[in-house]
């Protein structure tokens, strides 16, 4: 086997993965939830255009984001700490209220 054909050992692969990870912004569950929620709020037209960063206003898209958040809430039930559960519940409730209001306004 030539040097080019050698498979990297697990230690060097781990070091490469760690270096790649350090270069990228770290994301955790709540950051992911916040990102989905921001996209939903943008789709509802609730946040400013500056904050929305060219995300489209689209009620159907907002409904899809809300459904994704509800699905994540259901799938993670019992695996989140109390603060995460409460935050996720509040975000979903706020989005649902904004969605209802946006459908009444249109």
Protein backbone atom coordinates (compact mmCIF):
# COMPACT_ATOMS: atom_id res chain seq x y z
CA UNK A 1 0.00 0.00 0.00
CA UNK A 2 1.40 3.41 -0.95
CA UNK A 3 1.22 6.50 1.23
CA UNK A 4 -1.61 7.83 -0.93
CA UNK A 5 -3.68 4.71 -0.32
CA UNK A 6 -3.31 4.74 3.45
CA UNK A 7 -6.46 5.41 5.36
CA UNK A 8 -5.95 8.09 8.01
CA UNK A 9 -5.90 6.71 11.53
CA UNK A 10 -8.69 7.62 13.90
CA UNK A 11 -6.52 10.08 15.84
CA UNK A 12 -5.68 12.20 12.80
CA UNK A 13 -9.29 11.97 11.60
CA UNK A 14 -10.47 13.17 15.02
CA UNK A 15 -7.98 16.04 14.97
CA UNK A 16 -9.17 17.08 11.51
CA UNK A 17 -12.80 16.92 12.64
CA UNK A 18 -12.00 19.00 15.74
CA UNK A 19 -10.21 21.61 13.63
CA UNK A 20 -13.14 21.78 11.22
CA UNK A 21 -15.55 22.01 14.17
CA UNK A 22 -13.58 24.86 15.76
CA UNK A 23 -13.70 26.82 12.51
CA UNK A 24 -17.46 26.53 12.22
CA UNK A 25 -19.87 28.25 14.58
CA UNK A 26 -21.05 25.82 17.24
CA UNK A 27 -24.76 25.14 17.15
CA UNK A 28 -26.78 23.54 19.90
CA UNK A 29 -30.41 22.48 20.04
CA UNK A 30 -31.75 25.83 21.20
CA UNK A 31 -29.76 27.71 18.54
CA UNK A 32 -31.36 25.44 15.95
CA UNK A 33 -34.81 26.12 17.44
CA UNK A 34 -34.13 29.88 17.44
CA UNK A 35 -33.11 29.72 13.79
CA UNK A 36 -36.31 27.91 12.81
CA UNK A 37 -38.38 30.35 14.88
CA UNK A 38 -36.69 33.37 13.29
CA UNK A 39 -37.45 31.99 9.85
CA UNK A 40 -41.08 31.43 10.87
CA UNK A 41 -41.41 34.94 12.29
CA UNK A 42 -39.86 36.34 9.09
CA UNK A 43 -42.29 34.33 6.96
CA UNK A 44 -45.13 35.83 9.00
CA UNK A 45 -43.73 39.34 8.48
CA UNK A 46 -43.45 39.86 12.22
CA UNK A 47 -39.80 40.89 12.32
CA UNK A 48 -38.21 43.81 10.52
CA UNK A 49 -36.90 43.41 6.99
CA UNK A 50 -33.41 44.04 8.34
CA UNK A 51 -33.73 41.12 10.75
CA UNK A 52 -35.48 38.95 8.15
CA UNK A 53 -32.46 39.22 5.83
CA UNK A 54 -34.44 38.71 2.61
CA UNK A 55 -36.43 35.73 3.93
CA UNK A 56 -39.75 35.64 2.08
CA UNK A 57 -43.10 36.47 3.67
CA UNK A 58 -45.19 33.38 3.14
CA UNK A 59 -47.92 32.04 5.45
CA UNK A 60 -47.60 28.49 4.12
CA UNK A 61 -43.86 28.53 4.78
CA UNK A 62 -44.51 29.86 8.29
CA UNK A 63 -46.97 27.02 8.89
CA UNK A 64 -44.33 24.51 7.80
CA UNK A 65 -41.78 25.97 10.23
CA UNK A 66 -44.34 25.83 13.04
CA UNK A 67 -45.13 22.20 12.17
CA UNK A 68 -41.40 21.37 12.24
CA UNK A 69 -41.06 22.96 15.68
CA UNK A 70 -44.06 21.00 16.96
CA UNK A 71 -42.61 17.79 15.54
CA UNK A 72 -39.29 18.49 17.26
CA UNK A 73 -41.13 19.20 20.51
CA UNK A 74 -42.91 15.85 20.27
CA UNK A 75 -39.78 13.90 19.29
CA UNK A 76 -37.64 15.42 22.05
CA UNK A 77 -40.25 15.07 24.80
CA UNK A 78 -38.54 13.83 27.96
CA UNK A 79 -35.05 14.61 26.61
CA UNK A 80 -34.92 18.36 27.20
CA UNK A 81 -34.22 20.19 30.42
CA UNK A 82 -36.97 22.35 31.93
CA UNK A 83 -35.63 25.60 30.45
CA UNK A 84 -35.45 24.11 26.96
CA UNK A 85 -38.96 22.66 27.24
CA UNK A 86 -40.41 25.95 28.47
CA UNK A 87 -38.63 28.00 25.81
CA UNK A 88 -39.73 25.68 23.01
CA UNK A 89 -43.31 25.70 24.31
CA UNK A 90 -43.34 29.51 24.48
CA UNK A 91 -41.85 29.90 21.00
CA UNK A 92 -44.47 27.58 19.51
CA UNK A 93 -47.31 29.36 21.33
CA UNK A 94 -46.05 32.78 20.16
CA UNK A 95 -45.75 31.57 16.58
CA UNK A 96 -49.20 30.01 16.61
CA UNK A 97 -50.73 33.26 17.91
CA UNK A 98 -48.87 35.30 15.28
CA UNK A 99 -50.00 32.86 12.59
CA UNK A 100 -53.65 33.14 13.61
CA UNK A 101 -53.36 36.92 13.71
CA UNK A 102 -51.72 37.02 10.27
CA UNK A 103 -54.48 34.88 8.76
CA UNK A 104 -57.13 37.18 10.25
CA UNK A 105 -55.35 40.27 8.88
CA UNK A 106 -55.18 38.98 5.32
